[in-house]
Amino acid sequence: MAFPHDHQKSRKHQFTLGQTLLKVDKKYTPIKAIGRGLYGVVCYAFNREMNEKVAIKKISNIFDNLVVAVRALRELKILMHVKHENIIELKDAVIPDHRGFND
């Protein structure tokens, strides 16, 4: 994994995870890759504001395939409502900055 590339005027920074570029809020410090799947990548990070460990999941090209988009939406909806010690809690969902994004 590469080190973050800071953007001075932005509250976000980006880093590469394998061949995937992740752009996240500067409050997150990437630690290591957790896994890669058919739809995207997951990394382990630290939230400096909340002083807690988190997992960041990026789903690549989500709007290129309707099935992938529907599955991702379903996963988000379930995680928003489920509170259980054995299921990871949804802390935040990052929406692209603009409609013409290329991800």
N, C-alpha and C. Protein backbone atom coordinates (compact mmCIF):
# COMPACT_ATOMS: atom_id res chain seq x y z
N MET A 1 0.85 -1.16 0.00
CA MET A 1 0.00 0.00 0.00
C MET A 1 0.89 1.23 0.00
N ALA A 2 0.51 2.23 -0.74
CA ALA A 2 1.26 3.47 -0.81
C ALA A 2 0.81 4.41 0.31
N PHE A 3 1.64 5.41 0.58
CA PHE A 3 1.30 6.41 1.58
C PHE A 3 0.32 7.41 1.00
N PRO A 4 -0.45 8.07 1.86
CA PRO A 4 -1.44 9.04 1.37
C PRO A 4 -0.79 10.19 0.61
N HIS A 5 -1.49 10.70 -0.38
CA HIS A 5 -1.09 11.87 -1.14
C HIS A 5 -2.02 12.99 -0.70
N ASP A 6 -1.50 13.93 0.08
CA ASP A 6 -2.36 15.00 0.61
C ASP A 6 -2.71 16.03 -0.44
N HIS A 7 -3.93 16.53 -0.35
CA HIS A 7 -4.40 17.64 -1.17
C HIS A 7 -4.61 18.80 -0.20
N GLN A 8 -3.83 19.87 -0.35
CA GLN A 8 -3.80 20.97 0.61
C GLN A 8 -5.18 21.60 0.84
N LYS A 9 -5.96 21.85 -0.19
CA LYS A 9 -7.21 22.58 -0.05
C LYS A 9 -8.41 21.68 0.23
N SER A 10 -8.20 20.41 0.30
CA SER A 10 -9.30 19.47 0.45
C SER A 10 -9.27 18.84 1.84
N ARG A 11 -10.44 18.40 2.30
CA ARG A 11 -10.49 17.62 3.55
C ARG A 11 -10.27 16.14 3.26
N LYS A 12 -9.88 15.84 2.05
CA LYS A 12 -9.68 14.44 1.67
C LYS A 12 -8.24 14.22 1.24
N HIS A 13 -7.84 12.97 1.35
CA HIS A 13 -6.56 12.57 0.79
C HIS A 13 -6.78 11.25 0.07
N GLN A 14 -5.84 10.88 -0.73
CA GLN A 14 -5.99 9.65 -1.49
C GLN A 14 -4.77 8.77 -1.29
N PHE A 15 -5.00 7.47 -1.43
CA PHE A 15 -3.91 6.51 -1.36
C PHE A 15 -4.27 5.33 -2.25
N THR A 16 -3.26 4.59 -2.61
CA THR A 16 -3.51 3.43 -3.47
C THR A 16 -3.48 2.17 -2.63
N LEU A 17 -4.38 1.29 -2.98
CA LEU A 17 -4.48 -0.01 -2.34
C LEU A 17 -4.42 -1.02 -3.47
N GLY A 18 -3.26 -1.63 -3.65
CA GLY A 18 -3.07 -2.47 -4.83
C GLY A 18 -3.10 -1.59 -6.05
N GLN A 19 -4.07 -1.82 -6.92
CA GLN A 19 -4.23 -1.00 -8.11
C GLN A 19 -5.44 -0.07 -8.00
N THR A 20 -6.01 0.05 -6.82
CA THR A 20 -7.20 0.85 -6.62
C THR A 20 -6.87 2.13 -5.87
N LEU A 21 -7.37 3.25 -6.37
CA LEU A 21 -7.19 4.54 -5.73
C LEU A 21 -8.37 4.82 -4.81
N LEU A 22 -8.10 5.09 -3.55
CA LEU A 22 -9.15 5.42 -2.59
C LEU A 22 -8.98 6.87 -2.18
N LYS A 23 -10.09 7.61 -2.15
CA LYS A 23 -10.11 9.00 -1.74
C LYS A 23 -11.01 9.09 -0.53
N VAL A 24 -10.42 9.40 0.64
CA VAL A 24 -11.16 9.40 1.89
C VAL A 24 -10.87 10.68 2.68
N ASP A 25 -11.71 10.95 3.66
CA ASP A 25 -11.53 12.09 4.55
C ASP A 25 -10.17 11.96 5.25
N LYS A 26 -9.55 13.09 5.53
CA LYS A 26 -8.23 13.09 6.17
C LYS A 26 -8.25 12.55 7.59
N LYS A 27 -9.44 12.40 8.17
CA LYS A 27 -9.51 11.84 9.53
C LYS A 27 -9.13 10.36 9.55
N TYR A 28 -9.14 9.71 8.37
CA TYR A 28 -8.79 8.29 8.29
C TYR A 28 -7.33 8.11 7.90
N THR A 29 -6.63 7.28 8.66
CA THR A 29 -5.26 6.91 8.34
C THR A 29 -5.25 5.45 7.91
N PRO A 30 -4.87 5.17 6.66
CA PRO A 30 -4.86 3.78 6.21
C PRO A 30 -3.78 2.98 6.94
N ILE A 31 -4.10 1.73 7.25
CA ILE A 31 -3.14 0.88 7.94
C ILE A 31 -2.68 -0.26 7.03
N LYS A 32 -3.65 -1.05 6.52
CA LYS A 32 -3.26 -2.15 5.63
C LYS A 32 -4.47 -2.64 4.86
N ALA A 33 -4.19 -3.38 3.81
CA ALA A 33 -5.25 -4.00 3.01
C ALA A 33 -5.82 -5.18 3.78
N ILE A 34 -7.14 -5.32 3.72
CA ILE A 34 -7.79 -6.47 4.35
C ILE A 34 -8.14 -7.51 3.29
N GLY A 35 -8.69 -7.05 2.17
CA GLY A 35 -9.08 -8.01 1.15
C GLY A 35 -9.53 -7.34 -0.13
N ARG A 36 -9.66 -8.16 -1.13
CA ARG A 36 -10.12 -7.73 -2.44
C ARG A 36 -11.13 -8.76 -2.90
N GLY A 37 -12.22 -8.24 -3.48
CA GLY A 37 -13.26 -9.13 -3.95
C GLY A 37 -13.66 -8.77 -5.36
N LEU A 38 -14.71 -9.39 -5.82
CA LEU A 38 -15.21 -9.17 -7.17
C LEU A 38 -15.65 -7.73 -7.37
N TYR A 39 -16.20 -7.10 -6.34
CA TYR A 39 -16.77 -5.76 -6.48
C TYR A 39 -15.87 -4.64 -6.00
N GLY A 40 -14.82 -4.93 -5.26
CA GLY A 40 -13.98 -3.86 -4.78
C GLY A 40 -12.95 -4.31 -3.77
N VAL A 41 -12.48 -3.35 -2.97
CA VAL A 41 -11.42 -3.61 -2.00
C VAL A 41 -11.86 -3.12 -0.62
N VAL A 42 -11.20 -3.69 0.40
CA VAL A 42 -11.45 -3.29 1.78
C VAL A 42 -10.10 -3.06 2.44
N CYS A 43 -9.98 -1.94 3.17
CA CYS A 43 -8.75 -1.69 3.91
C CYS A 43 -9.08 -1.39 5.36
N TYR A 44 -8.09 -1.60 6.19
CA TYR A 44 -8.15 -1.35 7.61
C TYR A 44 -7.58 0.05 7.82
N ALA A 45 -8.27 0.89 8.58
CA ALA A 45 -7.82 2.26 8.80
C ALA A 45 -8.12 2.68 10.23
N PHE A 46 -7.60 3.86 10.57
CA PHE A 46 -7.84 4.40 11.91
C PHE A 46 -8.49 5.76 11.77
N ASN A 47 -9.61 5.97 12.48
CA ASN A 47 -10.31 7.25 12.50
C ASN A 47 -9.73 8.06 13.65
N ARG A 48 -8.94 9.10 13.31
CA ARG A 48 -8.27 9.90 14.33
C ARG A 48 -9.24 10.74 15.14
N GLU A 49 -10.35 11.16 14.56
CA GLU A 49 -11.33 11.97 15.29
C GLU A 49 -12.07 11.18 16.36
N MET A 50 -12.42 9.95 16.03
CA MET A 50 -13.18 9.12 16.97
C MET A 50 -12.29 8.15 17.74
N ASN A 51 -11.00 8.11 17.40
CA ASN A 51 -10.03 7.24 18.05
C ASN A 51 -10.48 5.77 18.00
N GLU A 52 -10.82 5.32 16.77
CA GLU A 52 -11.29 3.95 16.61
C GLU A 52 -10.81 3.36 15.29
N LYS A 53 -10.72 2.04 15.28
CA LYS A 53 -10.35 1.30 14.08
C LYS A 53 -11.58 1.13 13.21
N VAL A 54 -11.41 1.24 11.89
CA VAL A 54 -12.52 1.09 10.96
C VAL A 54 -12.08 0.29 9.74
N ALA A 55 -13.05 -0.17 9.00
CA ALA A 55 -12.80 -0.80 7.71
C ALA A 55 -13.40 0.12 6.65
N ILE A 56 -12.66 0.34 5.58
CA ILE A 56 -13.15 1.16 4.47
C ILE A 56 -13.31 0.26 3.27
N LYS A 57 -14.50 0.29 2.69
CA LYS A 57 -14.81 -0.54 1.54
C LYS A 57 -15.07 0.35 0.34
N LYS A 58 -14.40 0.08 -0.76
CA LYS A 58 -14.66 0.82 -1.99
C LYS A 58 -15.17 -0.15 -3.04
N ILE A 59 -16.32 0.17 -3.58
CA ILE A 59 -16.91 -0.64 -4.64
C ILE A 59 -16.62 0.07 -5.95
N SER A 60 -15.81 -0.53 -6.79
CA SER A 60 -15.41 0.09 -8.05
C SER A 60 -16.49 -0.03 -9.11
N ASN A 61 -16.61 1.02 -9.90
CA ASN A 61 -17.52 1.04 -11.05
C ASN A 61 -18.93 0.58 -10.68
N ILE A 62 -19.41 1.06 -9.57
CA ILE A 62 -20.69 0.59 -9.02
C ILE A 62 -21.87 0.82 -9.96
N PHE A 63 -21.83 1.89 -10.74
CA PHE A 63 -22.98 2.19 -11.59
C PHE A 63 -22.87 1.58 -12.99
N ASP A 64 -21.82 0.80 -13.23
CA ASP A 64 -21.67 0.13 -14.52
C ASP A 64 -22.52 -1.13 -14.61
N ASN A 65 -22.92 -1.65 -13.47
CA ASN A 65 -23.65 -2.91 -13.44
C ASN A 65 -24.81 -2.78 -12.46
N LEU A 66 -26.02 -2.89 -12.94
CA LEU A 66 -27.21 -2.72 -12.11
C LEU A 66 -27.24 -3.71 -10.95
N VAL A 67 -26.82 -4.95 -11.17
CA VAL A 67 -26.85 -5.96 -10.11
C VAL A 67 -25.90 -5.55 -8.98
N VAL A 68 -24.72 -5.06 -9.32
CA VAL A 68 -23.76 -4.62 -8.30
C VAL A 68 -24.32 -3.44 -7.52
N ALA A 69 -24.93 -2.48 -8.22
CA ALA A 69 -25.50 -1.31 -7.57
C ALA A 69 -26.62 -1.70 -6.60
N VAL A 70 -27.48 -2.60 -7.01
CA VAL A 70 -28.59 -3.04 -6.15
C VAL A 70 -28.07 -3.78 -4.93
N ARG A 71 -27.06 -4.63 -5.12
CA ARG A 71 -26.48 -5.36 -3.98
C ARG A 71 -25.82 -4.41 -2.99
N ALA A 72 -25.11 -3.42 -3.50
CA ALA A 72 -24.45 -2.45 -2.62
C ALA A 72 -25.49 -1.65 -1.84
N LEU A 73 -26.55 -1.22 -2.50
CA LEU A 73 -27.62 -0.49 -1.83
C LEU A 73 -28.27 -1.35 -0.75
N ARG A 74 -28.52 -2.61 -1.07
CA ARG A 74 -29.11 -3.53 -0.09
C ARG A 74 -28.20 -3.69 1.13
N GLU A 75 -26.89 -3.84 0.89
CA GLU A 75 -25.94 -3.98 1.98
C GLU A 75 -25.96 -2.72 2.87
N LEU A 76 -25.97 -1.54 2.26
CA LEU A 76 -26.02 -0.30 3.03
C LEU A 76 -27.29 -0.20 3.87
N LYS A 77 -28.41 -0.54 3.27
CA LYS A 77 -29.69 -0.47 4.00
C LYS A 77 -29.70 -1.42 5.18
N ILE A 78 -29.20 -2.62 4.99
CA ILE A 78 -29.16 -3.60 6.08
C ILE A 78 -28.24 -3.11 7.18
N LEU A 79 -27.04 -2.64 6.82
CA LEU A 79 -26.09 -2.18 7.83
C LEU A 79 -26.57 -0.95 8.59
N MET A 80 -27.40 -0.14 7.97
CA MET A 80 -27.95 1.04 8.65
C MET A 80 -28.88 0.65 9.80
N HIS A 81 -29.51 -0.52 9.70
CA HIS A 81 -30.53 -0.91 10.67
C HIS A 81 -30.10 -2.00 11.64
N VAL A 82 -29.11 -2.79 11.27
CA VAL A 82 -28.71 -3.92 12.11
C VAL A 82 -27.69 -3.47 13.16
N LYS A 83 -27.97 -3.78 14.39
CA LYS A 83 -27.05 -3.51 15.50
C LYS A 83 -26.83 -4.83 16.22
N HIS A 84 -25.66 -5.44 16.00
CA HIS A 84 -25.34 -6.72 16.61
C HIS A 84 -23.84 -6.80 16.82
N GLU A 85 -23.42 -7.42 17.89
CA GLU A 85 -21.99 -7.47 18.22
C GLU A 85 -21.16 -8.23 17.18
N ASN A 86 -21.76 -9.11 16.41
CA ASN A 86 -21.02 -9.89 15.41
C ASN A 86 -21.12 -9.32 14.00
N ILE A 87 -21.77 -8.17 13.86
CA ILE A 87 -21.90 -7.54 12.54
C ILE A 87 -21.32 -6.14 12.62
N ILE A 88 -20.48 -5.82 11.68
CA ILE A 88 -19.83 -4.52 11.66
C ILE A 88 -20.87 -3.41 11.53
N GLU A 89 -20.65 -2.32 12.24
CA GLU A 89 -21.59 -1.19 12.24
C GLU A 89 -21.22 -0.21 11.12
N LEU A 90 -22.22 0.26 10.42
CA LEU A 90 -21.99 1.26 9.38
C LEU A 90 -21.80 2.61 10.06
N LYS A 91 -20.64 3.22 9.84
CA LYS A 91 -20.32 4.51 10.45
C LYS A 91 -20.56 5.66 9.50
N ASP A 92 -20.28 5.46 8.21
CA ASP A 92 -20.33 6.54 7.25
C ASP A 92 -20.42 5.94 5.85
N ALA A 93 -21.04 6.67 4.95
CA ALA A 93 -21.08 6.29 3.54
C ALA A 93 -20.67 7.52 2.74
N VAL A 94 -19.70 7.37 1.88
CA VAL A 94 -19.18 8.49 1.10
C VAL A 94 -19.79 8.45 -0.29
N ILE A 95 -20.39 9.54 -0.66
CA ILE A 95 -21.02 9.69 -1.96
C ILE A 95 -20.04 10.45 -2.86
N PRO A 96 -19.93 10.10 -4.14
CA PRO A 96 -19.03 10.85 -5.05
C PRO A 96 -19.35 12.34 -5.04
N ASP A 97 -18.31 13.17 -5.24
CA ASP A 97 -18.45 14.62 -5.21
C ASP A 97 -19.34 15.18 -6.29
N HIS A 98 -19.36 14.56 -7.45
CA HIS A 98 -20.14 15.08 -8.56
C HIS A 98 -20.61 13.96 -9.48
N ARG A 99 -21.58 14.26 -10.32
CA ARG A 99 -22.18 13.25 -11.19
C ARG A 99 -21.21 12.68 -12.23
N GLY A 100 -20.30 13.49 -12.72
CA GLY A 100 -19.40 13.04 -13.78
C GLY A 100 -18.14 12.38 -13.28
N PHE A 101 -18.20 11.79 -12.05
CA PHE A 101 -16.99 11.20 -11.51
C PHE A 101 -16.56 9.99 -12.34
N ASN A 102 -15.26 9.75 -12.32
CA ASN A 102 -14.69 8.61 -13.05
C ASN A 102 -14.01 7.72 -12.04
N ASP A 103 -14.69 6.67 -11.65
CA ASP A 103 -14.16 5.81 -10.60
C ASP A 103 -14.25 4.37 -11.00
